[in-house]
Amino acid sequence: MKLKQIVLTLTAAVSLCAATALPGLATSARLTASDPGSQINVRTAPTTKANAPHYGVEGDWVEVLNSSDGGDGYIWYYVRFYQSNAEGWVRADFLYFQ
């Protein structure tokens, strides 16, 4: 399980770096989780201690707008949901870049 999180985090980081190098191209990702149907917190700041006024579910499409090292051992991405336009921070291990 831990290896899967590391691989997903590294994949997400490499994908975002590639997108950052090509300004003007939107970076799309899907929410992913090991348990289908589980709610994925969308937080107000890049930390697990921040409020989570929104949530997404596995398979939701988002646009990645920014990234940050949360200082809590996780990489975080600021995303906007395509269907609802809700925005917030999601941990990298919950994103799958295609």
C-alpha atoms as a PDB file:
ATOM      1  CA  MET A   1       0.000   0.000   0.000  1.00  0.00           C
ATOM      2  CA  LYS A   2       2.773   2.436   0.911  1.00  0.00           C
ATOM      3  CA  LEU A   3       4.619   1.676  -2.352  1.00  0.00           C
ATOM      4  CA  LYS A   4       1.459   2.443  -4.337  1.00  0.00           C
ATOM      5  CA  GLN A   5       1.159   5.850  -2.619  1.00  0.00           C
ATOM      6  CA  ILE A   6       4.792   6.650  -3.381  1.00  0.00           C
ATOM      7  CA  VAL A   7       4.406   5.678  -7.042  1.00  0.00           C
ATOM      8  CA  LEU A   8       1.197   7.708  -7.394  1.00  0.00           C
ATOM      9  CA  THR A   9       2.778  10.731  -5.703  1.00  0.00           C
ATOM     10  CA  LEU A  10       5.857  10.572  -7.929  1.00  0.00           C
ATOM     11  CA  THR A  11       3.713  10.146 -11.046  1.00  0.00           C
ATOM     12  CA  ALA A  12       1.627  13.147 -10.073  1.00  0.00           C
ATOM     13  CA  ALA A  13       4.707  15.275  -9.381  1.00  0.00           C
ATOM     14  CA  VAL A  14       6.354  14.404 -12.712  1.00  0.00           C
ATOM     15  CA  SER A  15       3.115  15.079 -14.598  1.00  0.00           C
ATOM     16  CA  LEU A  16       2.677  18.468 -12.973  1.00  0.00           C
ATOM     17  CA  CYS A  17       6.289  19.423 -13.698  1.00  0.00           C
ATOM     18  CA  ALA A  18       5.766  18.586 -17.369  1.00  0.00           C
ATOM     19  CA  ALA A  19       2.583  20.659 -17.477  1.00  0.00           C
ATOM     20  CA  THR A  20       4.276  23.567 -15.695  1.00  0.00           C
ATOM     21  CA  ALA A  21       6.990  23.575 -18.347  1.00  0.00           C
ATOM     22  CA  LEU A  22       4.304  24.041 -21.010  1.00  0.00           C
ATOM     23  CA  PRO A  23       2.322  27.103 -19.903  1.00  0.00           C
ATOM     24  CA  GLY A  24      -1.161  27.501 -21.277  1.00  0.00           C
ATOM     25  CA  LEU A  25      -1.931  23.788 -21.307  1.00  0.00           C
ATOM     26  CA  ALA A  26      -4.498  22.732 -18.723  1.00  0.00           C
ATOM     27  CA  THR A  27      -3.534  19.767 -16.596  1.00  0.00           C
ATOM     28  CA  SER A  28      -6.389  17.344 -16.052  1.00  0.00           C
ATOM     29  CA  ALA A  29      -6.479  14.604 -13.466  1.00  0.00           C
ATOM     30  CA  ARG A  30      -8.967  12.176 -11.969  1.00  0.00           C
ATOM     31  CA  LEU A  31      -9.544  11.502  -8.307  1.00  0.00           C
ATOM     32  CA  THR A  32      -8.506   8.021  -7.268  1.00  0.00           C
ATOM     33  CA  ALA A  33      -8.829   5.962  -4.092  1.00  0.00           C
ATOM     34  CA  SER A  34      -8.165   2.392  -3.016  1.00  0.00           C
ATOM     35  CA  ASP A  35     -11.792   2.041  -1.889  1.00  0.00           C
ATOM     36  CA  PRO A  36     -14.264   2.848  -4.709  1.00  0.00           C
ATOM     37  CA  GLY A  37     -16.960   5.292  -3.644  1.00  0.00           C
ATOM     38  CA  SER A  38     -14.985   6.733  -0.752  1.00  0.00           C
ATOM     39  CA  GLN A  39     -15.128  10.473  -0.213  1.00  0.00           C
ATOM     40  CA  ILE A  40     -11.903  12.384  -0.902  1.00  0.00           C
ATOM     41  CA  ASN A  41     -11.504  15.560   1.144  1.00  0.00           C
ATOM     42  CA  VAL A  42     -11.031  18.875  -0.664  1.00  0.00           C
ATOM     43  CA  ARG A  43      -9.389  21.196   1.853  1.00  0.00           C
ATOM     44  CA  THR A  44      -9.042  24.959   2.310  1.00  0.00           C
ATOM     45  CA  ALA A  45      -5.240  24.739   2.743  1.00  0.00           C
ATOM     46  CA  PRO A  46      -2.531  22.184   1.820  1.00  0.00           C
ATOM     47  CA  THR A  47      -2.551  20.294   5.107  1.00  0.00           C
ATOM     48  CA  THR A  48      -4.571  17.480   6.669  1.00  0.00           C
ATOM     49  CA  LYS A  49      -5.407  19.878   9.525  1.00  0.00           C
ATOM     50  CA  ALA A  50      -7.338  22.288   7.261  1.00  0.00           C
ATOM     51  CA  ASN A  51     -11.128  22.280   6.976  1.00  0.00           C
ATOM     52  CA  ALA A  52     -12.648  20.169   4.211  1.00  0.00           C
ATOM     53  CA  PRO A  53     -15.796  22.004   3.022  1.00  0.00           C
ATOM     54  CA  HIS A  54     -15.965  19.904  -0.152  1.00  0.00           C
ATOM     55  CA  TYR A  55     -15.313  16.331  -1.176  1.00  0.00           C
ATOM     56  CA  GLY A  56     -14.985  14.390  -4.388  1.00  0.00           C
ATOM     57  CA  VAL A  57     -15.317  10.730  -5.267  1.00  0.00           C
ATOM     58  CA  GLU A  58     -13.155   8.387  -7.286  1.00  0.00           C
ATOM     59  CA  GLY A  59     -13.377   9.173 -10.981  1.00  0.00           C
ATOM     60  CA  ASP A  60     -14.213  12.885 -10.639  1.00  0.00           C
ATOM     61  CA  TRP A  61     -12.320  15.001 -13.190  1.00  0.00           C
ATOM     62  CA  VAL A  62     -10.428  18.050 -11.946  1.00  0.00           C
ATOM     63  CA  GLU A  63      -8.196  20.733 -13.409  1.00  0.00           C
ATOM     64  CA  VAL A  64      -4.905  21.127 -11.537  1.00  0.00           C
ATOM     65  CA  LEU A  65      -4.163  24.802 -10.937  1.00  0.00           C
ATOM     66  CA  ASN A  66      -1.276  24.809  -8.459  1.00  0.00           C
ATOM     67  CA  SER A  67       0.883  22.609  -6.239  1.00  0.00           C
ATOM     68  CA  SER A  68       2.502  22.884  -2.831  1.00  0.00           C
ATOM     69  CA  ASP A  69       4.585  20.913  -0.359  1.00  0.00           C
ATOM     70  CA  GLY A  70       2.263  20.958   2.616  1.00  0.00           C
ATOM     71  CA  GLY A  71       4.980  20.533   5.210  1.00  0.00           C
ATOM     72  CA  ASP A  72       3.097  17.495   6.520  1.00  0.00           C
ATOM     73  CA  GLY A  73       4.944  15.011   4.337  1.00  0.00           C
ATOM     74  CA  TYR A  74       2.504  15.255   1.418  1.00  0.00           C
ATOM     75  CA  ILE A  75       2.469  17.035  -1.905  1.00  0.00           C
ATOM     76  CA  TRP A  76      -0.808  18.883  -2.453  1.00  0.00           C
ATOM     77  CA  TYR A  77      -2.572  20.133  -5.587  1.00  0.00           C
ATOM     78  CA  TYR A  78      -5.023  23.000  -5.818  1.00  0.00           C
ATOM     79  CA  VAL A  79      -7.796  21.789  -8.120  1.00  0.00           C
ATOM     80  CA  ARG A  80     -11.052  22.933  -9.689  1.00  0.00           C
ATOM     81  CA  PHE A  81     -13.793  20.392 -10.326  1.00  0.00           C
ATOM     82  CA  TYR A  82     -15.041  20.481 -13.921  1.00  0.00           C
ATOM     83  CA  GLN A  83     -18.696  19.841 -13.077  1.00  0.00           C
ATOM     84  CA  SER A  84     -19.216  21.995  -9.989  1.00  0.00           C
ATOM     85  CA  ASN A  85     -16.367  24.553 -10.241  1.00  0.00           C
ATOM     86  CA  ALA A  86     -15.617  23.848  -6.555  1.00  0.00           C
ATOM     87  CA  GLU A  87     -11.953  24.493  -5.703  1.00  0.00           C
ATOM     88  CA  GLY A  88      -9.573  23.362  -3.003  1.00  0.00           C
ATOM     89  CA  TRP A  89      -6.517  21.334  -2.040  1.00  0.00           C
ATOM     90  CA  VAL A  90      -6.253  17.570  -2.607  1.00  0.00           C
ATOM     91  CA  ARG A  91      -3.353  15.308  -1.600  1.00  0.00           C
ATOM     92  CA  ALA A  92      -1.258  14.047  -4.525  1.00  0.00           C
ATOM     93  CA  ASP A  93      -1.899  10.397  -3.690  1.00  0.00           C
ATOM     94  CA  PHE A  94      -5.595  10.940  -4.483  1.00  0.00           C
ATOM     95  CA  LEU A  95      -4.910  12.188  -8.033  1.00  0.00           C
ATOM     96  CA  TYR A  96      -4.235  10.181 -11.183  1.00  0.00           C
ATOM     97  CA  PHE A  97      -2.758  12.039 -14.145  1.00  0.00           C
ATOM     98  CA  GLN A  98      -3.529  10.561 -17.563  1.00  0.00           C
END
